[in-house]
Amino acid sequence: MKRHKLPLPGYDASTYYTWKDLNVSCNFNVYKRIFRIVDCDEFTRKFYENEGLPLNASEGLPGDNFPHTRAMINYK
Protein backbone atom coordinates (compact mmCIF):
# COMPACT_ATOMS: atom_id res chain seq x y z
CA MET A 1 0.00 0.00 0.00
CA LYS A 2 1.37 3.36 -0.93
CA ARG A 3 0.87 6.59 0.91
CA HIS A 4 -2.56 7.92 0.01
CA LYS A 5 -5.96 8.82 1.48
CA LEU A 6 -7.80 5.82 2.91
CA PRO A 7 -11.58 5.92 2.43
CA LEU A 8 -13.80 5.46 5.48
CA PRO A 9 -16.02 2.42 5.00
CA GLY A 10 -19.75 3.11 4.95
CA TYR A 11 -19.39 6.71 3.73
CA ASP A 12 -19.25 8.30 0.30
CA ALA A 13 -16.05 8.21 -1.71
CA SER A 14 -14.99 11.69 -0.56
CA THR A 15 -14.75 10.83 3.16
CA TYR A 16 -11.33 9.66 4.33
CA TYR A 17 -9.63 8.57 7.56
CA THR A 18 -8.00 11.37 9.51
CA TRP A 19 -5.73 11.26 12.55
CA LYS A 20 -8.83 11.86 14.71
CA ASP A 21 -10.32 8.53 13.58
CA LEU A 22 -7.39 6.46 14.85
CA ASN A 23 -6.67 5.45 18.44
CA VAL A 24 -4.73 2.79 20.32
CA SER A 25 -6.64 -0.44 21.04
CA CYS A 26 -9.04 0.06 18.16
CA ASN A 27 -9.69 -1.65 14.83
CA PHE A 28 -9.81 0.13 11.51
CA ASN A 29 -10.95 -1.12 8.15
CA VAL A 30 -8.76 -0.62 5.07
CA TYR A 31 -10.24 -2.04 1.87
CA LYS A 32 -12.17 -4.73 3.81
CA ARG A 33 -9.12 -5.80 5.84
CA ILE A 34 -9.21 -5.18 9.58
CA PHE A 35 -6.10 -3.80 11.29
CA ARG A 36 -5.67 -3.28 15.03
CA ILE A 37 -3.48 -0.57 16.55
CA VAL A 38 -1.90 -1.95 19.71
CA ASP A 39 0.65 0.75 20.61
CA CYS A 40 2.32 3.94 19.40
CA ASP A 41 5.50 5.89 20.02
CA GLU A 42 5.95 8.70 22.54
CA PHE A 43 5.89 11.42 19.85
CA THR A 44 2.42 10.29 18.71
CA ARG A 45 1.13 10.19 22.30
CA LYS A 46 2.35 13.75 22.93
CA PHE A 47 0.83 14.96 19.65
CA TYR A 48 -2.60 13.55 20.53
CA GLU A 49 -2.40 14.97 24.07
CA ASN A 50 -1.50 18.43 22.73
CA GLU A 51 -4.51 18.24 20.42
CA GLY A 52 -6.82 17.29 23.32
CA LEU A 53 -7.38 13.66 22.30
CA PRO A 54 -5.69 11.34 24.81
CA LEU A 55 -4.96 7.86 23.50
CA ASN A 56 -6.11 4.60 25.06
CA ALA A 57 -3.69 2.42 27.02
CA SER A 58 -1.36 0.15 25.06
CA GLU A 59 -2.12 -3.53 24.78
CA GLY A 60 0.20 -6.46 24.23
CA LEU A 61 0.95 -7.95 20.86
CA PRO A 62 -1.10 -11.02 19.96
CA GLY A 63 0.64 -14.35 20.25
CA ASP A 64 2.28 -15.97 17.24
CA ASN A 65 1.17 -19.56 16.63
CA PHE A 66 3.80 -20.24 13.97
CA PRO A 67 6.51 -21.72 16.27
CA HIS A 68 3.99 -24.14 17.78
CA THR A 69 2.61 -25.14 14.36
CA ARG A 70 6.13 -25.59 12.97
CA ALA A 71 7.11 -27.76 15.94
CA MET A 72 4.09 -29.99 15.33
CA ILE A 73 5.01 -30.39 11.64
CA ASN A 74 8.61 -31.27 12.52
CA TYR A 75 7.43 -33.70 15.22
CA LYS A 76 5.56 -35.80 12.66
PDB file of N, CA and C in Angstrom:
ATOM      1  N   MET A   1       0.852  -1.166   0.000  1.00  0.00           N
ATOM      2  CA  MET A   1       0.000   0.000   0.000  1.00  0.00           C
ATOM      3  C   MET A   1       0.897   1.228   0.000  1.00  0.00           C
ATOM      4  N   LYS A   2       0.619   2.125  -0.863  1.00  0.00           N
ATOM      5  CA  LYS A   2       1.373   3.363  -0.932  1.00  0.00           C
ATOM      6  C   LYS A   2       0.718   4.420  -0.059  1.00  0.00           C
ATOM      7  N   ARG A   3       1.365   5.501   0.090  1.00  0.00           N
ATOM      8  CA  ARG A   3       0.868   6.595   0.908  1.00  0.00           C
ATOM      9  C   ARG A   3      -0.224   7.339   0.145  1.00  0.00           C
ATOM     10  N   HIS A   4      -1.440   7.244   0.645  1.00  0.00           N
ATOM     11  CA  HIS A   4      -2.563   7.922   0.010  1.00  0.00           C
ATOM     12  C   HIS A   4      -3.703   8.041   1.019  1.00  0.00           C
ATOM     13  N   LYS A   5      -4.792   8.673   0.616  1.00  0.00           N
ATOM     14  CA  LYS A   5      -5.956   8.818   1.481  1.00  0.00           C
ATOM     15  C   LYS A   5      -6.711   7.501   1.527  1.00  0.00           C
ATOM     16  N   LEU A   6      -7.044   7.063   2.738  1.00  0.00           N
ATOM     17  CA  LEU A   6      -7.796   5.824   2.905  1.00  0.00           C
ATOM     18  C   LEU A   6      -9.265   6.154   3.110  1.00  0.00           C
ATOM     19  N   PRO A   7     -10.153   5.613   2.293  1.00  0.00           N
ATOM     20  CA  PRO A   7     -11.580   5.924   2.429  1.00  0.00           C
ATOM     21  C   PRO A   7     -12.173   5.271   3.679  1.00  0.00           C
ATOM     22  N   LEU A   8     -13.064   6.004   4.336  1.00  0.00           N
ATOM     23  CA  LEU A   8     -13.797   5.462   5.478  1.00  0.00           C
ATOM     24  C   LEU A   8     -14.893   4.538   4.960  1.00  0.00           C
ATOM     25  N   PRO A   9     -14.969   3.319   5.471  1.00  0.00           N
ATOM     26  CA  PRO A   9     -16.021   2.415   4.997  1.00  0.00           C
ATOM     27  C   PRO A   9     -17.400   2.894   5.461  1.00  0.00           C
ATOM     28  N   GLY A  10     -18.389   2.726   4.608  1.00  0.00           N
ATOM     29  CA  GLY A  10     -19.751   3.111   4.954  1.00  0.00           C
ATOM     30  C   GLY A  10     -20.080   4.560   4.657  1.00  0.00           C
ATOM     31  N   TYR A  11     -19.153   5.310   4.097  1.00  0.00           N
ATOM     32  CA  TYR A  11     -19.388   6.712   3.734  1.00  0.00           C
ATOM     33  C   TYR A  11     -19.198   6.869   2.233  1.00  0.00           C
ATOM     34  N   ASP A  12     -19.462   8.060   1.734  1.00  0.00           N
ATOM     35  CA  ASP A  12     -19.254   8.296   0.304  1.00  0.00           C
ATOM     36  C   ASP A  12     -17.758   8.307  -0.013  1.00  0.00           C
ATOM     37  N   ALA A  13     -17.432   8.326  -1.267  1.00  0.00           N
ATOM     38  CA  ALA A  13     -16.045   8.206  -1.708  1.00  0.00           C
ATOM     39  C   ALA A  13     -15.183   9.408  -1.335  1.00  0.00           C
ATOM     40  N   SER A  14     -15.786  10.507  -0.886  1.00  0.00           N
ATOM     41  CA  SER A  14     -14.989  11.692  -0.563  1.00  0.00           C
ATOM     42  C   SER A  14     -14.703  11.818   0.936  1.00  0.00           C
ATOM     43  N   THR A  15     -15.026  10.800   1.738  1.00  0.00           N
ATOM     44  CA  THR A  15     -14.747  10.831   3.160  1.00  0.00           C
ATOM     45  C   THR A  15     -13.583   9.882   3.460  1.00  0.00           C
ATOM     46  N   TYR A  16     -12.538  10.409   4.101  1.00  0.00           N
ATOM     47  CA  TYR A  16     -11.326   9.656   4.327  1.00  0.00           C
ATOM     48  C   TYR A  16     -10.994   9.602   5.818  1.00  0.00           C
ATOM     49  N   TYR A  17     -10.148   8.623   6.190  1.00  0.00           N
ATOM     50  CA  TYR A  17      -9.628   8.566   7.560  1.00  0.00           C
ATOM     51  C   TYR A  17      -8.791   9.801   7.830  1.00  0.00           C
ATOM     52  N   THR A  18      -8.882  10.310   9.053  1.00  0.00           N
ATOM     53  CA  THR A  18      -7.996  11.373   9.513  1.00  0.00           C
ATOM     54  C   THR A  18      -7.331  10.894  10.798  1.00  0.00           C
ATOM     55  N   TRP A  19      -6.417  11.649  11.321  1.00  0.00           N
ATOM     56  CA  TRP A  19      -5.734  11.260  12.550  1.00  0.00           C
ATOM     57  C   TRP A  19      -6.705  11.187  13.725  1.00  0.00           C
ATOM     58  N   LYS A  20      -7.834  11.882  13.636  1.00  0.00           N
ATOM     59  CA  LYS A  20      -8.827  11.856  14.709  1.00  0.00           C
ATOM     60  C   LYS A  20      -9.598  10.539  14.741  1.00  0.00           C
ATOM     61  N   ASP A  21      -9.595   9.794  13.652  1.00  0.00           N
ATOM     62  CA  ASP A  21     -10.320   8.527  13.577  1.00  0.00           C
ATOM     63  C   ASP A  21      -9.529   7.358  14.162  1.00  0.00           C
ATOM     64  N   LEU A  22      -8.241   7.539  14.394  1.00  0.00           N
ATOM     65  CA  LEU A  22      -7.386   6.456  14.853  1.00  0.00           C
ATOM     66  C   LEU A  22      -7.084   6.602  16.339  1.00  0.00           C
ATOM     67  N   ASN A  23      -6.988   5.469  17.028  1.00  0.00           N
ATOM     68  CA  ASN A  23      -6.667   5.450  18.443  1.00  0.00           C
ATOM     69  C   ASN A  23      -6.031   4.108  18.764  1.00  0.00           C
ATOM     70  N   VAL A  24      -5.332   4.040  19.877  1.00  0.00           N
ATOM     71  CA  VAL A  24      -4.730   2.792  20.318  1.00  0.00           C
ATOM     72  C   VAL A  24      -5.844   1.870  20.811  1.00  0.00           C
ATOM     73  N   SER A  25      -5.672   0.587  20.638  1.00  0.00           N
ATOM     74  CA  SER A  25      -6.641  -0.445  21.041  1.00  0.00           C
ATOM     75  C   SER A  25      -7.947  -0.336  20.256  1.00  0.00           C
ATOM     76  N   CYS A  26      -7.848   0.003  18.992  1.00  0.00           N
ATOM     77  CA  CYS A  26      -9.043   0.056  18.159  1.00  0.00           C
ATOM     78  C   CYS A  26      -8.743  -0.599  16.807  1.00  0.00           C
ATOM     79  N   ASN A  27      -9.796  -1.054  16.163  1.00  0.00           N
ATOM     80  CA  ASN A  27      -9.693  -1.646  14.829  1.00  0.00           C
ATOM     81  C   ASN A  27     -10.025  -0.597  13.787  1.00  0.00           C
ATOM     82  N   PHE A  28      -9.389  -0.696  12.632  1.00  0.00           N
ATOM     83  CA  PHE A  28      -9.811   0.134  11.512  1.00  0.00           C
ATOM     84  C   PHE A  28      -9.766  -0.681  10.228  1.00  0.00           C
ATOM     85  N   ASN A  29     -10.703  -0.363   9.355  1.00  0.00           N
ATOM     86  CA  ASN A  29     -10.949  -1.122   8.149  1.00  0.00           C
ATOM     87  C   ASN A  29     -10.282  -0.423   6.962  1.00  0.00           C
ATOM     88  N   VAL A  30      -9.422  -1.151   6.265  1.00  0.00           N
ATOM     89  CA  VAL A  30      -8.762  -0.622   5.070  1.00  0.00           C
ATOM     90  C   VAL A  30      -9.027  -1.594   3.929  1.00  0.00           C
ATOM     91  N   TYR A  31      -9.885  -1.202   3.019  1.00  0.00           N
ATOM     92  CA  TYR A  31     -10.235  -2.035   1.870  1.00  0.00           C
ATOM     93  C   TYR A  31     -10.665  -3.440   2.316  1.00  0.00           C
ATOM     94  N   LYS A  32     -11.574  -3.498   3.283  1.00  0.00           N
ATOM     95  CA  LYS A  32     -12.174  -4.726   3.813  1.00  0.00           C
ATOM     96  C   LYS A  32     -11.191  -5.618   4.559  1.00  0.00           C
ATOM     97  N   ARG A  33     -10.055  -5.086   4.964  1.00  0.00           N
ATOM     98  CA  ARG A  33      -9.125  -5.803   5.836  1.00  0.00           C
ATOM     99  C   ARG A  33      -9.089  -5.055   7.161  1.00  0.00           C
ATOM    100  N   ILE A  34      -9.159  -5.783   8.252  1.00  0.00           N
ATOM    101  CA  ILE A  34      -9.211  -5.183   9.576  1.00  0.00           C
ATOM    102  C   ILE A  34      -7.802  -5.160  10.173  1.00  0.00           C
ATOM    103  N   PHE A  35      -7.372  -3.988  10.608  1.00  0.00           N
ATOM    104  CA  PHE A  35      -6.099  -3.802  11.285  1.00  0.00           C
ATOM    105  C   PHE A  35      -6.375  -3.321  12.705  1.00  0.00           C
ATOM    106  N   ARG A  36      -5.518  -3.702  13.643  1.00  0.00           N
ATOM    107  CA  ARG A  36      -5.667  -3.277  15.029  1.00  0.00           C
ATOM    108  C   ARG A  36      -4.407  -2.534  15.440  1.00  0.00           C
ATOM    109  N   ILE A  37      -4.594  -1.365  16.032  1.00  0.00           N
ATOM    110  CA  ILE A  37      -3.484  -0.573  16.550  1.00  0.00           C
ATOM    111  C   ILE A  37      -3.295  -0.967  18.007  1.00  0.00           C
ATOM    112  N   VAL A  38      -2.129  -1.487  18.349  1.00  0.00           N
ATOM    113  CA  VAL A  38      -1.901  -1.951  19.711  1.00  0.00           C
ATOM    114  C   VAL A  38      -1.025  -1.011  20.525  1.00  0.00           C
ATOM    115  N   ASP A  39      -0.237  -0.156  19.883  1.00  0.00           N
ATOM    116  CA  ASP A  39       0.650   0.752  20.611  1.00  0.00           C
ATOM    117  C   ASP A  39       1.112   1.855  19.661  1.00  0.00           C
ATOM    118  N   CYS A  40       1.750   2.869  20.215  1.00  0.00           N
ATOM    119  CA  CYS A  40       2.323   3.945  19.401  1.00  0.00           C
ATOM    120  C   CYS A  40       3.556   4.489  20.110  1.00  0.00           C
ATOM    121  N   ASP A  41       4.297   5.329  19.417  1.00  0.00           N
ATOM    122  CA  ASP A  41       5.499   5.889  20.020  1.00  0.00           C
ATOM    123  C   ASP A  41       5.165   7.112  20.873  1.00  0.00           C
ATOM    124  N   GLU A  42       6.151   7.589  21.604  1.00  0.00           N
ATOM    125  CA  GLU A  42       5.950   8.701  22.538  1.00  0.00           C
ATOM    126  C   GLU A  42       5.616  10.001  21.805  1.00  0.00           C
ATOM    127  N   PHE A  43       6.190  10.228  20.624  1.00  0.00           N
ATOM    128  CA  PHE A  43       5.887  11.423  19.845  1.00  0.00           C
ATOM    129  C   PHE A  43       4.398  11.484  19.501  1.00  0.00           C
ATOM    130  N   THR A  44       3.844  10.351  19.074  1.00  0.00           N
ATOM    131  CA  THR A  44       2.424  10.295  18.712  1.00  0.00           C
ATOM    132  C   THR A  44       1.543  10.543  19.926  1.00  0.00           C
ATOM    133  N   ARG A  45       1.899   9.961  21.066  1.00  0.00           N
ATOM    134  CA  ARG A  45       1.128  10.193  22.298  1.00  0.00           C
ATOM    135  C   ARG A  45       1.117  11.676  22.674  1.00  0.00           C
ATOM    136  N   LYS A  46       2.267  12.319  22.593  1.00  0.00           N
ATOM    137  CA  LYS A  46       2.346  13.748  22.930  1.00  0.00           C
ATOM    138  C   LYS A  46       1.541  14.585  21.939  1.00  0.00           C
ATOM    139  N   PHE A  47       1.592  14.234  20.655  1.00  0.00           N
ATOM    140  CA  PHE A  47       0.829  14.963  19.645  1.00  0.00           C
ATOM    141  C   PHE A  47      -0.660  14.909  19.958  1.00  0.00           C
ATOM    142  N   TYR A  48      -1.172  13.706  20.225  1.00  0.00           N
ATOM    143  CA  TYR A  48      -2.602  13.554  20.528  1.00  0.00           C
ATOM    144  C   TYR A  48      -2.975  14.295  21.811  1.00  0.00           C
ATOM    145  N   GLU A  49      -2.117  14.256  22.828  1.00  0.00           N
ATOM    146  CA  GLU A  49      -2.402  14.973  24.073  1.00  0.00           C
ATOM    147  C   GLU A  49      -2.435  16.478  23.845  1.00  0.00           C
ATOM    148  N   ASN A  50      -1.513  16.988  23.038  1.00  0.00           N
ATOM    149  CA  ASN A  50      -1.496  18.427  22.735  1.00  0.00           C
ATOM    150  C   ASN A  50      -2.738  18.848  21.965  1.00  0.00           C
ATOM    151  N   GLU A  51      -3.300  17.938  21.186  1.00  0.00           N
ATOM    152  CA  GLU A  51      -4.509  18.236  20.422  1.00  0.00           C
ATOM    153  C   GLU A  51      -5.787  17.990  21.224  1.00  0.00           C
ATOM    154  N   GLY A  52      -5.655  17.508  22.462  1.00  0.00           N
ATOM    155  CA  GLY A  52      -6.819  17.293  23.317  1.00  0.00           C
ATOM    156  C   GLY A  52      -7.504  15.959  23.132  1.00  0.00           C
ATOM    157  N   LEU A  53      -6.833  15.003  22.503  1.00  0.00           N
ATOM    158  CA  LEU A  53      -7.382  13.658  22.301  1.00  0.00           C
ATOM    159  C   LEU A  53      -6.430  12.635  22.921  1.00  0.00           C
ATOM    160  N   PRO A  54      -6.587  12.331  24.204  1.00  0.00           N
ATOM    161  CA  PRO A  54      -5.688  11.341  24.812  1.00  0.00           C
ATOM    162  C   PRO A  54      -5.931   9.953  24.216  1.00  0.00           C
ATOM    163  N   LEU A  55      -4.869   9.193  24.076  1.00  0.00           N
ATOM    164  CA  LEU A  55      -4.959   7.856  23.498  1.00  0.00           C
ATOM    165  C   LEU A  55      -5.266   6.824  24.571  1.00  0.00           C
ATOM    166  N   ASN A  56      -5.842   5.714  24.159  1.00  0.00           N
ATOM    167  CA  ASN A  56      -6.108   4.602  25.065  1.00  0.00           C
ATOM    168  C   ASN A  56      -4.795   3.961  25.503  1.00  0.00           C
ATOM    169  N   ALA A  57      -4.874   3.131  26.528  1.00  0.00           N
ATOM    170  CA  ALA A  57      -3.688   2.421  27.017  1.00  0.00           C
ATOM    171  C   ALA A  57      -3.223   1.401  25.985  1.00  0.00           C
ATOM    172  N   SER A  58      -1.932   1.140  25.978  1.00  0.00           N
ATOM    173  CA  SER A  58      -1.363   0.149  25.063  1.00  0.00           C
ATOM    174  C   SER A  58      -1.807  -1.246  25.466  1.00  0.00           C
ATOM    175  N   GLU A  59      -1.821  -2.132  24.496  1.00  0.00           N
ATOM    176  CA  GLU A  59      -2.120  -3.531  24.780  1.00  0.00           C
ATOM    177  C   GLU A  59      -1.006  -4.378  24.198  1.00  0.00           C
ATOM    178  N   GLY A  60      -0.868  -5.579  24.691  1.00  0.00           N
ATOM    179  CA  GLY A  60       0.198  -6.458  24.233  1.00  0.00           C
ATOM    180  C   GLY A  60      -0.036  -6.952  22.821  1.00  0.00           C
ATOM    181  N   LEU A  61       1.044  -7.377  22.199  1.00  0.00           N
ATOM    182  CA  LEU A  61       0.946  -7.950  20.865  1.00  0.00           C
ATOM    183  C   LEU A  61       0.282  -9.318  20.944  1.00  0.00           C
ATOM    184  N   PRO A  62      -0.497  -9.683  19.941  1.00  0.00           N
ATOM    185  CA  PRO A  62      -1.103 -11.019  19.958  1.00  0.00           C
ATOM    186  C   PRO A  62      -0.027 -12.090  19.807  1.00  0.00           C
ATOM    187  N   GLY A  63      -0.319 -13.255  20.336  1.00  0.00           N
ATOM    188  CA  GLY A  63       0.636 -14.351  20.252  1.00  0.00           C
ATOM    189  C   GLY A  63       0.812 -14.848  18.830  1.00  0.00           C
ATOM    190  N   ASP A  64       1.978 -15.418  18.561  1.00  0.00           N
ATOM    191  CA  ASP A  64       2.279 -15.968  17.245  1.00  0.00           C
ATOM    192  C   ASP A  64       2.235 -17.484  17.326  1.00  0.00           C
ATOM    193  N   ASN A  65       1.330 -18.112  16.598  1.00  0.00           N
ATOM    194  CA  ASN A  65       1.173 -19.562  16.626  1.00  0.00           C
ATOM    195  C   ASN A  65       2.142 -20.300  15.721  1.00  0.00           C
ATOM    196  N   PHE A  66       2.930 -19.577  14.935  1.00  0.00           N
ATOM    197  CA  PHE A  66       3.805 -20.239  13.971  1.00  0.00           C
ATOM    198  C   PHE A  66       4.818 -21.174  14.625  1.00  0.00           C
ATOM    199  N   PRO A  67       5.530 -20.778  15.685  1.00  0.00           N
ATOM    200  CA  PRO A  67       6.508 -21.716  16.272  1.00  0.00           C
ATOM    201  C   PRO A  67       5.852 -23.027  16.742  1.00  0.00           C
ATOM    202  N   HIS A  68       4.682 -22.937  17.328  1.00  0.00           N
ATOM    203  CA  HIS A  68       3.988 -24.144  17.781  1.00  0.00           C
ATOM    204  C   HIS A  68       3.573 -25.017  16.593  1.00  0.00           C
ATOM    205  N   THR A  69       3.023 -24.403  15.555  1.00  0.00           N
ATOM    206  CA  THR A  69       2.612 -25.138  14.364  1.00  0.00           C
ATOM    207  C   THR A  69       3.825 -25.792  13.696  1.00  0.00           C
ATOM    208  N   ARG A  70       4.914 -25.064  13.607  1.00  0.00           N
ATOM    209  CA  ARG A  70       6.127 -25.590  12.974  1.00  0.00           C
ATOM    210  C   ARG A  70       6.687 -26.760  13.774  1.00  0.00           C
ATOM    211  N   ALA A  71       6.627 -26.666  15.094  1.00  0.00           N
ATOM    212  CA  ALA A  71       7.115 -27.761  15.940  1.00  0.00           C
ATOM    213  C   ALA A  71       6.271 -29.013  15.731  1.00  0.00           C
ATOM    214  N   MET A  72       4.966 -28.849  15.562  1.00  0.00           N
ATOM    215  CA  MET A  72       4.088 -29.989  15.329  1.00  0.00           C
ATOM    216  C   MET A  72       4.383 -30.653  13.967  1.00  0.00           C
ATOM    217  N   ILE A  73       4.682 -29.848  12.968  1.00  0.00           N
ATOM    218  CA  ILE A  73       5.006 -30.390  11.644  1.00  0.00           C
ATOM    219  C   ILE A  73       6.324 -31.175  11.720  1.00  0.00           C
ATOM    220  N   ASN A  74       7.318 -30.615  12.402  1.00  0.00           N
ATOM    221  CA  ASN A  74       8.613 -31.274  12.523  1.00  0.00           C
ATOM    222  C   ASN A  74       8.523 -32.521  13.404  1.00  0.00           C
ATOM    223  N   TYR A  75       7.603 -32.560  14.326  1.00  0.00           N
ATOM    224  CA  TYR A  75       7.428 -33.698  15.216  1.00  0.00           C
ATOM    225  C   TYR A  75       6.956 -34.927  14.447  1.00  0.00           C
ATOM    226  N   LYS A  76       6.084 -34.692  13.453  1.00  0.00           N
ATOM    227  CA  LYS A  76       5.564 -35.803  12.661  1.00  0.00           C
ATOM    228  C   LYS A  76       6.660 -36.339  11.780  1.00  0.00           C
TER     229      LYS A  76
END
